[in-house]
Amino acid sequence: MAKKDYYNILGISRSASEKDIKQAFRKLARKYHPDVNPNNKEAEAKFKEISEAYDVLHDADKRKKYDQFGDQWQYADQFTQSRSQGAPFEGFDFSGFGSSGNTQFRADTGDLGSIFDELFGRHKRRTRPQKGQDIEYPVEITLEEAFSGTSRLLSLEAEGACPACNGTGITNNTACSRCHGTGTTPQTKRLEVKVPPGVKTGSRVRLAGKGSAGFSGGPPGDLFLAIRVKPHTRFERIDNDLHVNIDVPLLTAVLGGEVKVPTPAGKELALKIPPETQNDRSFKLSGRGMPHLGKSANGDLIAHVKVILPTRLTAEEKRLFESLKELRPV
């Protein structure tokens, strides 16, 4: 029994008919073919294995030699000739009949090609163009960057078009030896990307065609930026509205006046405080909040009043508060 059991690979018995062999191969080929599993190295290896098994077992002569000599079936004719001439078995390693040794698989592309044509509707293997894989890349930004928009220079590890075959997977009418017919090779590329204003944590910014290269000349995949906005020390974002606390001196809250309100753009806005403004009162500055992603409108900026009581009062100030207390008893 060979270490590489072709019958077991195809999931058939050693007495299987030619029809059984072909049916088993068709079923496995549909499951593991590289066109069905782009960029899947395990599926590619499995497909090569079942193709090798089919190449040997569907051919009556090869199958007979395999049944007798195992993995050394390719040397069967030489072995038989040496034996008939009474020559010693020099140069032949039959210790394994079972060992795969250094033998290499050479496919009978004629019969395989007809099956692939039936399965996938073409005469060349692995040439149907397919879109490349999408890539998701995490990007962390500040609230100010989310407000104004920003850019990032990314270093991506992705599949790129194979330089040897220009992404077609074919050179000289055969599978490209560099990319093994996939049309892509692992590459590192640097890419400057734009993050639009208005993004928030959880936003996914799509950059069409910036993902992995397509399979066998197919279109590239897309790049998705997975956005995370860092928490801010002053602003709290709720949807597209921004909330901020503003300190208002006691006298301003009582008598009225003007205070400054910060914005993510770095500028300050003047806000008029009417007399007798209570603590925690809110003022809405319309259109001064976060941009709506993909739109020209903005949310609102909500300023929450925090009245600040004076400290380190002078004797005169204490006297005035005492006088006020007498005028307005609790």
C-alpha atoms as a PDB file:
ATOM      1  CA  MET A   1       0.000   0.000   0.000  1.00  0.00           C
ATOM      2  CA  ALA A   2       1.473   3.340  -1.041  1.00  0.00           C
ATOM      3  CA  LYS A   3       1.892   6.085   1.472  1.00  0.00           C
ATOM      4  CA  LYS A   4       0.088   8.337  -0.986  1.00  0.00           C
ATOM      5  CA  ASP A   5      -3.050   6.282  -1.453  1.00  0.00           C
ATOM      6  CA  TYR A   6      -4.722   7.583  -4.613  1.00  0.00           C
ATOM      7  CA  TYR A   7      -7.842   5.511  -3.950  1.00  0.00           C
ATOM      8  CA  ASN A   8      -8.216   7.022  -0.507  1.00  0.00           C
ATOM      9  CA  ILE A   9      -7.584  10.525  -1.872  1.00  0.00           C
ATOM     10  CA  LEU A  10     -10.524  10.158  -4.274  1.00  0.00           C
ATOM     11  CA  GLY A  11     -12.611   8.338  -1.680  1.00  0.00           C
ATOM     12  CA  ILE A  12     -13.138   5.202  -3.758  1.00  0.00           C
ATOM     13  CA  SER A  13     -12.431   1.492  -3.373  1.00  0.00           C
ATOM     14  CA  ARG A  14      -9.601  -0.309  -5.181  1.00  0.00           C
ATOM     15  CA  SER A  15     -12.216  -2.071  -7.316  1.00  0.00           C
ATOM     16  CA  ALA A  16     -13.808   1.173  -8.473  1.00  0.00           C
ATOM     17  CA  SER A  17     -14.779   1.413 -12.133  1.00  0.00           C
ATOM     18  CA  GLU A  18     -13.582   4.113 -14.528  1.00  0.00           C
ATOM     19  CA  LYS A  19     -16.984   5.756 -14.179  1.00  0.00           C
ATOM     20  CA  ASP A  20     -16.661   5.735 -10.390  1.00  0.00           C
ATOM     21  CA  ILE A  21     -13.221   7.345 -10.646  1.00  0.00           C
ATOM     22  CA  LYS A  22     -14.438  10.120 -12.921  1.00  0.00           C
ATOM     23  CA  GLN A  23     -17.496  10.836 -10.777  1.00  0.00           C
ATOM     24  CA  ALA A  24     -15.399  11.009  -7.615  1.00  0.00           C
ATOM     25  CA  PHE A  25     -12.955  13.394  -9.265  1.00  0.00           C
ATOM     26  CA  ARG A  26     -15.746  15.630 -10.601  1.00  0.00           C
ATOM     27  CA  LYS A  27     -17.237  15.937  -7.125  1.00  0.00           C
ATOM     28  CA  LEU A  28     -13.935  16.832  -5.467  1.00  0.00           C
ATOM     29  CA  ALA A  29     -12.867  19.157  -8.295  1.00  0.00           C
ATOM     30  CA  ARG A  30     -16.016  21.225  -7.857  1.00  0.00           C
ATOM     31  CA  LYS A  31     -15.210  21.602  -4.173  1.00  0.00           C
ATOM     32  CA  TYR A  32     -11.481  22.309  -4.270  1.00  0.00           C
ATOM     33  CA  HIS A  33     -10.849  23.974  -7.659  1.00  0.00           C
ATOM     34  CA  PRO A  34      -8.841  27.248  -7.239  1.00  0.00           C
ATOM     35  CA  ASP A  35     -11.488  29.200  -9.140  1.00  0.00           C
ATOM     36  CA  VAL A  36     -13.982  28.261  -6.433  1.00  0.00           C
ATOM     37  CA  ASN A  37     -11.441  28.922  -3.648  1.00  0.00           C
ATOM     38  CA  PRO A  38      -9.362  31.941  -4.727  1.00  0.00           C
ATOM     39  CA  ASN A  39      -6.273  32.610  -2.583  1.00  0.00           C
ATOM     40  CA  ASN A  40      -6.885  29.443  -0.555  1.00  0.00           C
ATOM     41  CA  LYS A  41      -3.559  27.606  -0.384  1.00  0.00           C
ATOM     42  CA  GLU A  42      -5.017  24.546   1.371  1.00  0.00           C
ATOM     43  CA  ALA A  43      -7.667  24.104  -1.312  1.00  0.00           C
ATOM     44  CA  GLU A  44      -5.034  24.570  -4.013  1.00  0.00           C
ATOM     45  CA  ALA A  45      -2.846  21.845  -2.498  1.00  0.00           C
ATOM     46  CA  LYS A  46      -5.833  19.509  -2.147  1.00  0.00           C
ATOM     47  CA  PHE A  47      -6.803  20.142  -5.765  1.00  0.00           C
ATOM     48  CA  LYS A  48      -3.311  19.245  -6.965  1.00  0.00           C
ATOM     49  CA  GLU A  49      -3.472  16.040  -4.922  1.00  0.00           C
ATOM     50  CA  ILE A  50      -6.815  14.871  -6.340  1.00  0.00           C
ATOM     51  CA  SER A  51      -5.690  15.817  -9.870  1.00  0.00           C
ATOM     52  CA  GLU A  52      -2.593  13.675  -9.411  1.00  0.00           C
ATOM     53  CA  ALA A  53      -4.683  10.759  -8.163  1.00  0.00           C
ATOM     54  CA  TYR A  54      -7.115  11.052 -11.058  1.00  0.00           C
ATOM     55  CA  ASP A  55      -4.324  11.317 -13.638  1.00  0.00           C
ATOM     56  CA  VAL A  56      -3.008   7.919 -12.551  1.00  0.00           C
ATOM     57  CA  LEU A  57      -6.201   5.999 -11.793  1.00  0.00           C
ATOM     58  CA  HIS A  58      -8.267   7.010 -14.842  1.00  0.00           C
ATOM     59  CA  ASP A  59      -5.573   5.610 -17.150  1.00  0.00           C
ATOM     60  CA  ALA A  60      -5.823   1.806 -17.246  1.00  0.00           C
ATOM     61  CA  ASP A  61      -2.096   1.274 -17.905  1.00  0.00           C
ATOM     62  CA  LYS A  62      -0.966   3.704 -15.200  1.00  0.00           C
ATOM     63  CA  ARG A  63      -3.469   2.260 -12.757  1.00  0.00           C
ATOM     64  CA  LYS A  64      -2.202  -1.273 -13.366  1.00  0.00           C
ATOM     65  CA  LYS A  65       1.376  -0.171 -12.726  1.00  0.00           C
ATOM     66  CA  TYR A  66       0.332   1.782  -9.651  1.00  0.00           C
ATOM     67  CA  ASP A  67      -1.505  -1.221  -8.201  1.00  0.00           C
ATOM     68  CA  GLN A  68       1.659  -3.309  -8.640  1.00  0.00           C
ATOM     69  CA  PHE A  69       4.452  -0.872  -7.853  1.00  0.00           C
ATOM     70  CA  GLY A  70       2.817   1.859  -5.748  1.00  0.00           C
ATOM     71  CA  ASP A  71       4.414   5.291  -5.960  1.00  0.00           C
ATOM     72  CA  GLN A  72       7.204   3.805  -8.096  1.00  0.00           C
ATOM     73  CA  TRP A  73       4.790   3.009 -10.947  1.00  0.00           C
ATOM     74  CA  GLN A  74       6.599   5.418 -13.272  1.00  0.00           C
ATOM     75  CA  TYR A  75       9.673   3.150 -13.150  1.00  0.00           C
ATOM     76  CA  ALA A  76       7.728  -0.022 -13.912  1.00  0.00           C
ATOM     77  CA  ASP A  77       8.880  -0.333 -17.534  1.00  0.00           C
ATOM     78  CA  GLN A  78      12.522   0.148 -16.586  1.00  0.00           C
ATOM     79  CA  PHE A  79      12.184  -2.361 -13.795  1.00  0.00           C
ATOM     80  CA  THR A  80      10.625  -4.948 -16.110  1.00  0.00           C
ATOM     81  CA  GLN A  81      13.290  -4.399 -18.790  1.00  0.00           C
ATOM     82  CA  SER A  82      16.142  -4.713 -16.283  1.00  0.00           C
ATOM     83  CA  ARG A  83      14.623  -7.876 -14.903  1.00  0.00           C
ATOM     84  CA  SER A  84      14.243  -9.498 -18.370  1.00  0.00           C
ATOM     85  CA  GLN A  85      17.877  -8.704 -19.168  1.00  0.00           C
ATOM     86  CA  GLY A  86      18.990 -10.201 -15.888  1.00  0.00           C
ATOM     87  CA  ALA A  87      20.386  -6.878 -14.760  1.00  0.00           C
ATOM     88  CA  PRO A  88      20.554  -6.010 -11.082  1.00  0.00           C
ATOM     89  CA  PHE A  89      18.043  -3.526  -9.759  1.00  0.00           C
ATOM     90  CA  GLU A  90      20.566  -0.735  -9.506  1.00  0.00           C
ATOM     91  CA  GLY A  91      19.242   2.769  -9.469  1.00  0.00           C
ATOM     92  CA  PHE A  92      15.757   1.763  -8.342  1.00  0.00           C
ATOM     93  CA  ASP A  93      14.464   2.382  -4.869  1.00  0.00           C
ATOM     94  CA  PHE A  94      11.605  -0.041  -4.293  1.00  0.00           C
ATOM     95  CA  SER A  95      11.970  -0.053  -0.552  1.00  0.00           C
ATOM     96  CA  GLY A  96       8.689   1.674  -0.452  1.00  0.00           C
ATOM     97  CA  PHE A  97       6.588   1.019  -3.206  1.00  0.00           C
ATOM     98  CA  GLY A  98       4.808   3.221  -1.040  1.00  0.00           C
ATOM     99  CA  SER A  99       7.031   6.047  -0.616  1.00  0.00           C
ATOM    100  CA  SER A 100       6.462   9.042  -2.782  1.00  0.00           C
ATOM    101  CA  GLY A 101      10.240   9.452  -3.117  1.00  0.00           C
ATOM    102  CA  ASN A 102      11.220  12.112  -5.610  1.00  0.00           C
ATOM    103  CA  THR A 103       8.679  11.221  -8.265  1.00  0.00           C
ATOM    104  CA  GLN A 104       6.779  14.163  -9.698  1.00  0.00           C
ATOM    105  CA  PHE A 105       3.245  14.354 -10.967  1.00  0.00           C
ATOM    106  CA  ARG A 106       2.805  14.984 -14.675  1.00  0.00           C
ATOM    107  CA  ALA A 107      -0.840  15.503 -15.557  1.00  0.00           C
ATOM    108  CA  ASP A 108      -2.552  14.089 -18.598  1.00  0.00           C
ATOM    109  CA  THR A 109      -3.967  17.498 -19.486  1.00  0.00           C
ATOM    110  CA  GLY A 110      -6.037  16.231 -22.360  1.00  0.00           C
ATOM    111  CA  ASP A 111      -8.570  14.296 -20.325  1.00  0.00           C
ATOM    112  CA  LEU A 112      -8.389  16.686 -17.366  1.00  0.00           C
ATOM    113  CA  GLY A 113      -8.977  19.603 -19.711  1.00  0.00           C
ATOM    114  CA  SER A 114     -12.219  18.130 -20.990  1.00  0.00           C
ATOM    115  CA  ILE A 115     -13.466  17.636 -17.447  1.00  0.00           C
ATOM    116  CA  PHE A 116     -12.561  21.199 -16.485  1.00  0.00           C
ATOM    117  CA  ASP A 117     -14.351  22.404 -19.575  1.00  0.00           C
ATOM    118  CA  GLU A 118     -17.472  20.532 -18.470  1.00  0.00           C
ATOM    119  CA  LEU A 119     -17.189  21.684 -14.870  1.00  0.00           C
ATOM    120  CA  PHE A 120     -16.293  25.321 -15.434  1.00  0.00           C
ATOM    121  CA  GLY A 121     -17.198  26.001 -19.062  1.00  0.00           C
ATOM    122  CA  ARG A 122     -13.778  26.757 -20.527  1.00  0.00           C
ATOM    123  CA  HIS A 123     -10.764  25.123 -22.196  1.00  0.00           C
ATOM    124  CA  LYS A 124      -8.036  26.699 -20.095  1.00  0.00           C
ATOM    125  CA  ARG A 125      -7.653  25.958 -16.416  1.00  0.00           C
ATOM    126  CA  ARG A 126      -7.818  28.707 -13.849  1.00  0.00           C
ATOM    127  CA  THR A 127      -8.338  31.555 -16.318  1.00  0.00           C
ATOM    128  CA  ARG A 128     -11.796  32.792 -15.339  1.00  0.00           C
ATOM    129  CA  PRO A 129     -11.250  36.308 -13.958  1.00  0.00           C
ATOM    130  CA  GLN A 130     -12.385  36.824 -10.387  1.00  0.00           C
ATOM    131  CA  LYS A 131     -12.493  39.884  -8.165  1.00  0.00           C
ATOM    132  CA  GLY A 132      -9.679  40.138  -5.630  1.00  0.00           C
ATOM    133  CA  GLN A 133     -10.211  39.904  -1.891  1.00  0.00           C
ATOM    134  CA  ASP A 134     -11.433  42.910   0.078  1.00  0.00           C
ATOM    135  CA  ILE A 135      -9.149  44.232   2.813  1.00  0.00           C
ATOM    136  CA  GLU A 136     -10.198  45.826   6.102  1.00  0.00           C
ATOM    137  CA  TYR A 137      -7.664  48.144   7.732  1.00  0.00           C
ATOM    138  CA  PRO A 138      -8.154  49.686  11.222  1.00  0.00           C
ATOM    139  CA  VAL A 139      -7.615  53.458  11.405  1.00  0.00           C
ATOM    140  CA  GLU A 140      -7.652  55.456  14.651  1.00  0.00           C
ATOM    141  CA  ILE A 141      -8.203  59.212  14.484  1.00  0.00           C
ATOM    142  CA  THR A 142      -8.927  62.141  16.794  1.00  0.00           C
ATOM    143  CA  LEU A 143     -12.267  63.926  17.057  1.00  0.00           C
ATOM    144  CA  GLU A 144     -10.695  66.957  15.403  1.00  0.00           C
ATOM    145  CA  GLU A 145      -9.634  64.788  12.461  1.00  0.00           C
ATOM    146  CA  ALA A 146     -13.129  63.308  12.253  1.00  0.00           C
ATOM    147  CA  PHE A 147     -14.499  66.874  12.193  1.00  0.00           C
ATOM    148  CA  SER A 148     -12.257  68.197   9.432  1.00  0.00           C
ATOM    149  CA  GLY A 149     -11.266  65.009   7.584  1.00  0.00           C
ATOM    150  CA  THR A 150      -7.728  63.676   7.405  1.00  0.00           C
ATOM    151  CA  SER A 151      -5.421  61.295   5.552  1.00  0.00           C
ATOM    152  CA  ARG A 152      -3.245  58.340   6.443  1.00  0.00           C
ATOM    153  CA  LEU A 153      -0.268  56.652   4.778  1.00  0.00           C
ATOM    154  CA  LEU A 154      -0.855  52.910   5.020  1.00  0.00           C
ATOM    155  CA  SER A 155       1.513  49.997   4.486  1.00  0.00           C
ATOM    156  CA  LEU A 156      -0.566  47.083   3.216  1.00  0.00           C
ATOM    157  CA  GLU A 157       0.362  43.418   2.917  1.00  0.00           C
ATOM    158  CA  ALA A 158      -1.854  42.242   0.079  1.00  0.00           C
ATOM    159  CA  GLU A 159      -1.980  40.213  -3.110  1.00  0.00           C
ATOM    160  CA  GLY A 160      -0.822  42.244  -6.103  1.00  0.00           C
ATOM    161  CA  ALA A 161      -0.812  41.535  -9.821  1.00  0.00           C
ATOM    162  CA  CYS A 162       1.946  39.062 -10.654  1.00  0.00           C
ATOM    163  CA  PRO A 163       4.703  40.957 -12.523  1.00  0.00           C
ATOM    164  CA  ALA A 164       5.661  37.864 -14.514  1.00  0.00           C
ATOM    165  CA  CYS A 165       2.266  37.400 -16.188  1.00  0.00           C
ATOM    166  CA  ASN A 166       0.713  40.853 -15.591  1.00  0.00           C
ATOM    167  CA  GLY A 167      -1.990  39.249 -13.477  1.00  0.00           C
ATOM    168  CA  THR A 168      -3.319  36.887 -16.140  1.00  0.00           C
ATOM    169  CA  GLY A 169      -1.953  33.711 -14.529  1.00  0.00           C
ATOM    170  CA  ILE A 170      -0.765  32.503 -17.955  1.00  0.00           C
ATOM    171  CA  THR A 171       2.621  32.698 -19.668  1.00  0.00           C
ATOM    172  CA  ASN A 172       3.299  30.964 -22.988  1.00  0.00           C
ATOM    173  CA  ASN A 173      -0.129  29.301 -22.823  1.00  0.00           C
ATOM    174  CA  THR A 174       0.727  27.568 -19.544  1.00  0.00           C
ATOM    175  CA  ALA A 175       0.209  28.422 -15.892  1.00  0.00           C
ATOM    176  CA  CYS A 176       2.632  31.100 -14.750  1.00  0.00           C
ATOM    177  CA  SER A 177       5.484  29.506 -12.807  1.00  0.00           C
ATOM    178  CA  ARG A 178       5.848  32.480 -10.478  1.00  0.00           C
ATOM    179  CA  CYS A 179       2.266  32.780  -9.260  1.00  0.00           C
ATOM    180  CA  HIS A 180       1.257  29.172 -10.111  1.00  0.00           C
ATOM    181  CA  GLY A 181      -1.575  30.418 -12.287  1.00  0.00           C
ATOM    182  CA  THR A 182      -3.294  32.569  -9.689  1.00  0.00           C
ATOM    183  CA  GLY A 183      -2.263  35.867 -11.294  1.00  0.00           C
ATOM    184  CA  THR A 184      -1.253  37.334  -7.938  1.00  0.00           C
ATOM    185  CA  THR A 185       1.767  37.396  -5.630  1.00  0.00           C
ATOM    186  CA  PRO A 186       2.137  38.697  -2.039  1.00  0.00           C
ATOM    187  CA  GLN A 187       3.273  42.311  -2.104  1.00  0.00           C
ATOM    188  CA  THR A 188       3.716  45.276   0.216  1.00  0.00           C
ATOM    189  CA  LYS A 189       2.336  48.561  -1.017  1.00  0.00           C
ATOM    190  CA  ARG A 190       2.176  52.028   0.485  1.00  0.00           C
ATOM    191  CA  LEU A 191      -1.051  53.885  -0.028  1.00  0.00           C
ATOM    192  CA  GLU A 192      -2.242  57.341   1.019  1.00  0.00           C
ATOM    193  CA  VAL A 193      -5.938  57.273   1.877  1.00  0.00           C
ATOM    194  CA  LYS A 194      -8.416  60.026   2.636  1.00  0.00           C
ATOM    195  CA  VAL A 195     -10.688  59.874   5.665  1.00  0.00           C
ATOM    196  CA  PRO A 196     -13.759  62.054   4.993  1.00  0.00           C
ATOM    197  CA  PRO A 197     -15.254  64.479   7.536  1.00  0.00           C
ATOM    198  CA  GLY A 198     -18.054  63.114   9.693  1.00  0.00           C
ATOM    199  CA  VAL A 199     -16.795  59.573  10.293  1.00  0.00           C
ATOM    200  CA  LYS A 200     -17.345  58.012  13.693  1.00  0.00           C
ATOM    201  CA  THR A 201     -16.352  54.869  15.535  1.00  0.00           C
ATOM    202  CA  GLY A 202     -17.719  51.963  13.555  1.00  0.00           C
ATOM    203  CA  SER A 203     -17.693  53.766  10.200  1.00  0.00           C
ATOM    204  CA  ARG A 204     -16.341  51.746   7.275  1.00  0.00           C
ATOM    205  CA  VAL A 205     -14.934  53.892   4.515  1.00  0.00           C
ATOM    206  CA  ARG A 206     -14.850  52.054   1.183  1.00  0.00           C
ATOM    207  CA  LEU A 207     -12.025  52.716  -1.250  1.00  0.00           C
ATOM    208  CA  ALA A 208     -13.021  50.930  -4.442  1.00  0.00           C
ATOM    209  CA  GLY A 209     -10.319  48.931  -6.194  1.00  0.00           C
ATOM    210  CA  LYS A 210      -7.683  49.419  -3.477  1.00  0.00           C
ATOM    211  CA  GLY A 211      -7.808  45.858  -2.120  1.00  0.00           C
ATOM    212  CA  SER A 212      -5.993  42.736  -3.299  1.00  0.00           C
ATOM    213  CA  ALA A 213      -5.383  42.238  -7.004  1.00  0.00           C
ATOM    214  CA  GLY A 214      -7.935  40.236  -8.952  1.00  0.00           C
ATOM    215  CA  PHE A 215      -7.515  36.548  -9.767  1.00  0.00           C
ATOM    216  CA  SER A 216      -6.455  35.703 -13.328  1.00  0.00           C
ATOM    217  CA  GLY A 217      -6.830  39.286 -14.491  1.00  0.00           C
ATOM    218  CA  GLY A 218     -10.063  39.991 -12.593  1.00  0.00           C
ATOM    219  CA  PRO A 219     -10.786  43.386 -10.968  1.00  0.00           C
ATOM    220  CA  PRO A 220      -9.134  44.198  -7.630  1.00  0.00           C
ATOM    221  CA  GLY A 221     -11.014  44.011  -4.358  1.00  0.00           C
ATOM    222  CA  ASP A 222     -11.884  46.995  -2.206  1.00  0.00           C
ATOM    223  CA  LEU A 223     -10.177  48.510   0.816  1.00  0.00           C
ATOM    224  CA  PHE A 224     -12.334  49.268   3.840  1.00  0.00           C
ATOM    225  CA  LEU A 225     -11.085  51.622   6.553  1.00  0.00           C
ATOM    226  CA  ALA A 226     -12.478  50.551   9.932  1.00  0.00           C
ATOM    227  CA  ILE A 227     -12.661  53.825  11.858  1.00  0.00           C
ATOM    228  CA  ARG A 228     -12.180  54.328  15.586  1.00  0.00           C
ATOM    229  CA  VAL A 229     -12.409  57.875  16.977  1.00  0.00           C
ATOM    230  CA  LYS A 230     -10.490  58.449  20.197  1.00  0.00           C
ATOM    231  CA  PRO A 231     -12.478  59.762  23.196  1.00  0.00           C
ATOM    232  CA  HIS A 232     -12.127  63.529  23.692  1.00  0.00           C
ATOM    233  CA  THR A 233     -11.367  65.293  26.963  1.00  0.00           C
ATOM    234  CA  ARG A 234     -13.946  68.063  26.386  1.00  0.00           C
ATOM    235  CA  PHE A 235     -16.444  67.065  23.738  1.00  0.00           C
ATOM    236  CA  GLU A 236     -18.974  64.262  23.871  1.00  0.00           C
ATOM    237  CA  ARG A 237     -20.438  63.151  20.577  1.00  0.00           C
ATOM    238  CA  ILE A 238     -24.007  61.917  20.332  1.00  0.00           C
ATOM    239  CA  ASP A 239     -24.835  61.089  16.718  1.00  0.00           C
ATOM    240  CA  ASN A 240     -23.727  64.261  14.939  1.00  0.00           C
ATOM    241  CA  ASP A 241     -24.289  66.617  17.865  1.00  0.00           C
ATOM    242  CA  LEU A 242     -21.438  67.694  20.124  1.00  0.00           C
ATOM    243  CA  HIS A 243     -21.897  68.430  23.814  1.00  0.00           C
ATOM    244  CA  VAL A 244     -19.485  70.558  25.817  1.00  0.00           C
ATOM    245  CA  ASN A 245     -19.462  72.023  29.331  1.00  0.00           C
ATOM    246  CA  ILE A 246     -18.644  75.744  29.632  1.00  0.00           C
ATOM    247  CA  ASP A 247     -17.606  77.510  32.817  1.00  0.00           C
ATOM    248  CA  VAL A 248     -19.712  80.590  33.578  1.00  0.00           C
ATOM    249  CA  PRO A 249     -18.684  82.892  36.444  1.00  0.00           C
ATOM    250  CA  LEU A 250     -21.343  83.483  39.051  1.00  0.00           C
ATOM    251  CA  LEU A 251     -21.690  87.195  38.292  1.00  0.00           C
ATOM    252  CA  THR A 252     -22.083  86.480  34.556  1.00  0.00           C
ATOM    253  CA  ALA A 253     -24.761  83.914  35.278  1.00  0.00           C
ATOM    254  CA  VAL A 254     -26.581  86.378  37.568  1.00  0.00           C
ATOM    255  CA  LEU A 255     -26.189  89.617  35.627  1.00  0.00           C
ATOM    256  CA  GLY A 256     -25.709  88.269  32.063  1.00  0.00           C
ATOM    257  CA  GLY A 257     -22.715  88.585  29.797  1.00  0.00           C
ATOM    258  CA  GLU A 258     -20.688  86.706  27.224  1.00  0.00           C
ATOM    259  CA  VAL A 259     -18.593  83.557  27.352  1.00  0.00           C
ATOM    260  CA  LYS A 260     -16.454  81.631  24.851  1.00  0.00           C
ATOM    261  CA  VAL A 261     -17.437  78.191  23.547  1.00  0.00           C
ATOM    262  CA  PRO A 262     -14.710  75.930  22.056  1.00  0.00           C
ATOM    263  CA  THR A 263     -15.172  74.036  18.770  1.00  0.00           C
ATOM    264  CA  PRO A 264     -13.360  71.019  17.237  1.00  0.00           C
ATOM    265  CA  ALA A 265     -12.072  73.343  14.505  1.00  0.00           C
ATOM    266  CA  GLY A 266      -9.950  75.140  17.136  1.00  0.00           C
ATOM    267  CA  LYS A 267     -11.903  78.393  17.040  1.00  0.00           C
ATOM    268  CA  GLU A 268     -14.006  79.805  19.856  1.00  0.00           C
ATOM    269  CA  LEU A 269     -17.547  81.078  19.468  1.00  0.00           C
ATOM    270  CA  ALA A 270     -19.097  83.916  21.485  1.00  0.00           C
ATOM    271  CA  LEU A 271     -22.202  82.930  23.434  1.00  0.00           C
ATOM    272  CA  LYS A 272     -24.451  85.494  25.120  1.00  0.00           C
ATOM    273  CA  ILE A 273     -25.586  84.482  28.568  1.00  0.00           C
ATOM    274  CA  PRO A 274     -28.836  86.087  29.652  1.00  0.00           C
ATOM    275  CA  PRO A 275     -29.244  87.365  33.233  1.00  0.00           C
ATOM    276  CA  GLU A 276     -30.247  84.847  35.880  1.00  0.00           C
ATOM    277  CA  THR A 277     -28.994  81.837  33.893  1.00  0.00           C
ATOM    278  CA  GLN A 278     -29.317  78.690  35.988  1.00  0.00           C
ATOM    279  CA  ASN A 279     -26.661  76.045  36.396  1.00  0.00           C
ATOM    280  CA  ASP A 280     -26.842  73.190  33.817  1.00  0.00           C
ATOM    281  CA  ARG A 281     -28.875  75.265  31.380  1.00  0.00           C
ATOM    282  CA  SER A 282     -28.139  74.268  27.769  1.00  0.00           C
ATOM    283  CA  PHE A 283     -27.655  76.481  24.720  1.00  0.00           C
ATOM    284  CA  LYS A 284     -27.793  75.149  21.161  1.00  0.00           C
ATOM    285  CA  LEU A 285     -25.450  76.503  18.515  1.00  0.00           C
ATOM    286  CA  SER A 286     -27.098  75.227  15.336  1.00  0.00           C
ATOM    287  CA  GLY A 287     -24.922  73.708  12.633  1.00  0.00           C
ATOM    288  CA  ARG A 288     -21.748  73.859  14.727  1.00  0.00           C
ATOM    289  CA  GLY A 289     -21.540  70.151  15.475  1.00  0.00           C
ATOM    290  CA  MET A 290     -20.067  67.229  13.513  1.00  0.00           C
ATOM    291  CA  PRO A 291     -20.497  67.009   9.730  1.00  0.00           C
ATOM    292  CA  HIS A 292     -22.987  64.474   8.421  1.00  0.00           C
ATOM    293  CA  LEU A 293     -20.889  61.865   6.593  1.00  0.00           C
ATOM    294  CA  GLY A 294     -21.240  62.395   2.874  1.00  0.00           C
ATOM    295  CA  LYS A 295     -23.470  65.473   3.268  1.00  0.00           C
ATOM    296  CA  SER A 296     -22.967  69.213   3.540  1.00  0.00           C
ATOM    297  CA  ALA A 297     -25.027  69.635   6.740  1.00  0.00           C
ATOM    298  CA  ASN A 298     -23.687  69.581  10.299  1.00  0.00           C
ATOM    299  CA  GLY A 299     -25.126  68.593  13.632  1.00  0.00           C
ATOM    300  CA  ASP A 300     -25.433  71.047  16.523  1.00  0.00           C
ATOM    301  CA  LEU A 301     -23.090  72.143  19.296  1.00  0.00           C
ATOM    302  CA  ILE A 302     -24.770  71.981  22.696  1.00  0.00           C
ATOM    303  CA  ALA A 303     -23.172  74.127  25.423  1.00  0.00           C
ATOM    304  CA  HIS A 304     -24.002  73.173  29.030  1.00  0.00           C
ATOM    305  CA  VAL A 305     -23.599  75.938  31.634  1.00  0.00           C
ATOM    306  CA  LYS A 306     -21.499  75.160  34.708  1.00  0.00           C
ATOM    307  CA  VAL A 307     -21.700  78.062  37.111  1.00  0.00           C
ATOM    308  CA  ILE A 308     -18.415  78.682  38.914  1.00  0.00           C
ATOM    309  CA  LEU A 309     -18.612  80.012  42.455  1.00  0.00           C
ATOM    310  CA  PRO A 310     -15.959  82.533  43.502  1.00  0.00           C
ATOM    311  CA  THR A 311     -13.261  81.497  45.962  1.00  0.00           C
ATOM    312  CA  ARG A 312     -10.748  83.359  48.170  1.00  0.00           C
ATOM    313  CA  LEU A 313     -13.207  86.197  48.812  1.00  0.00           C
ATOM    314  CA  THR A 314     -11.880  89.468  50.157  1.00  0.00           C
ATOM    315  CA  ALA A 315     -13.366  91.083  53.233  1.00  0.00           C
ATOM    316  CA  GLU A 316     -15.249  93.603  51.070  1.00  0.00           C
ATOM    317  CA  GLU A 317     -16.668  90.822  48.880  1.00  0.00           C
ATOM    318  CA  LYS A 318     -17.830  88.911  51.920  1.00  0.00           C
ATOM    319  CA  ARG A 319     -19.506  92.098  53.221  1.00  0.00           C
ATOM    320  CA  LEU A 320     -21.346  92.522  49.939  1.00  0.00           C
ATOM    321  CA  PHE A 321     -22.567  88.925  49.991  1.00  0.00           C
ATOM    322  CA  GLU A 322     -23.747  89.454  53.571  1.00  0.00           C
ATOM    323  CA  SER A 323     -25.675  92.528  52.418  1.00  0.00           C
ATOM    324  CA  LEU A 324     -27.192  90.490  49.583  1.00  0.00           C
ATOM    325  CA  LYS A 325     -28.161  87.820  52.056  1.00  0.00           C
ATOM    326  CA  GLU A 326     -30.004  90.424  54.146  1.00  0.00           C
ATOM    327  CA  LEU A 327     -31.820  91.687  51.060  1.00  0.00           C
ATOM    328  CA  ARG A 328     -32.775  88.189  49.879  1.00  0.00           C
ATOM    329  CA  PRO A 329     -33.264  86.003  52.944  1.00  0.00           C
ATOM    330  CA  VAL A 330     -33.502  82.299  52.253  1.00  0.00           C
END
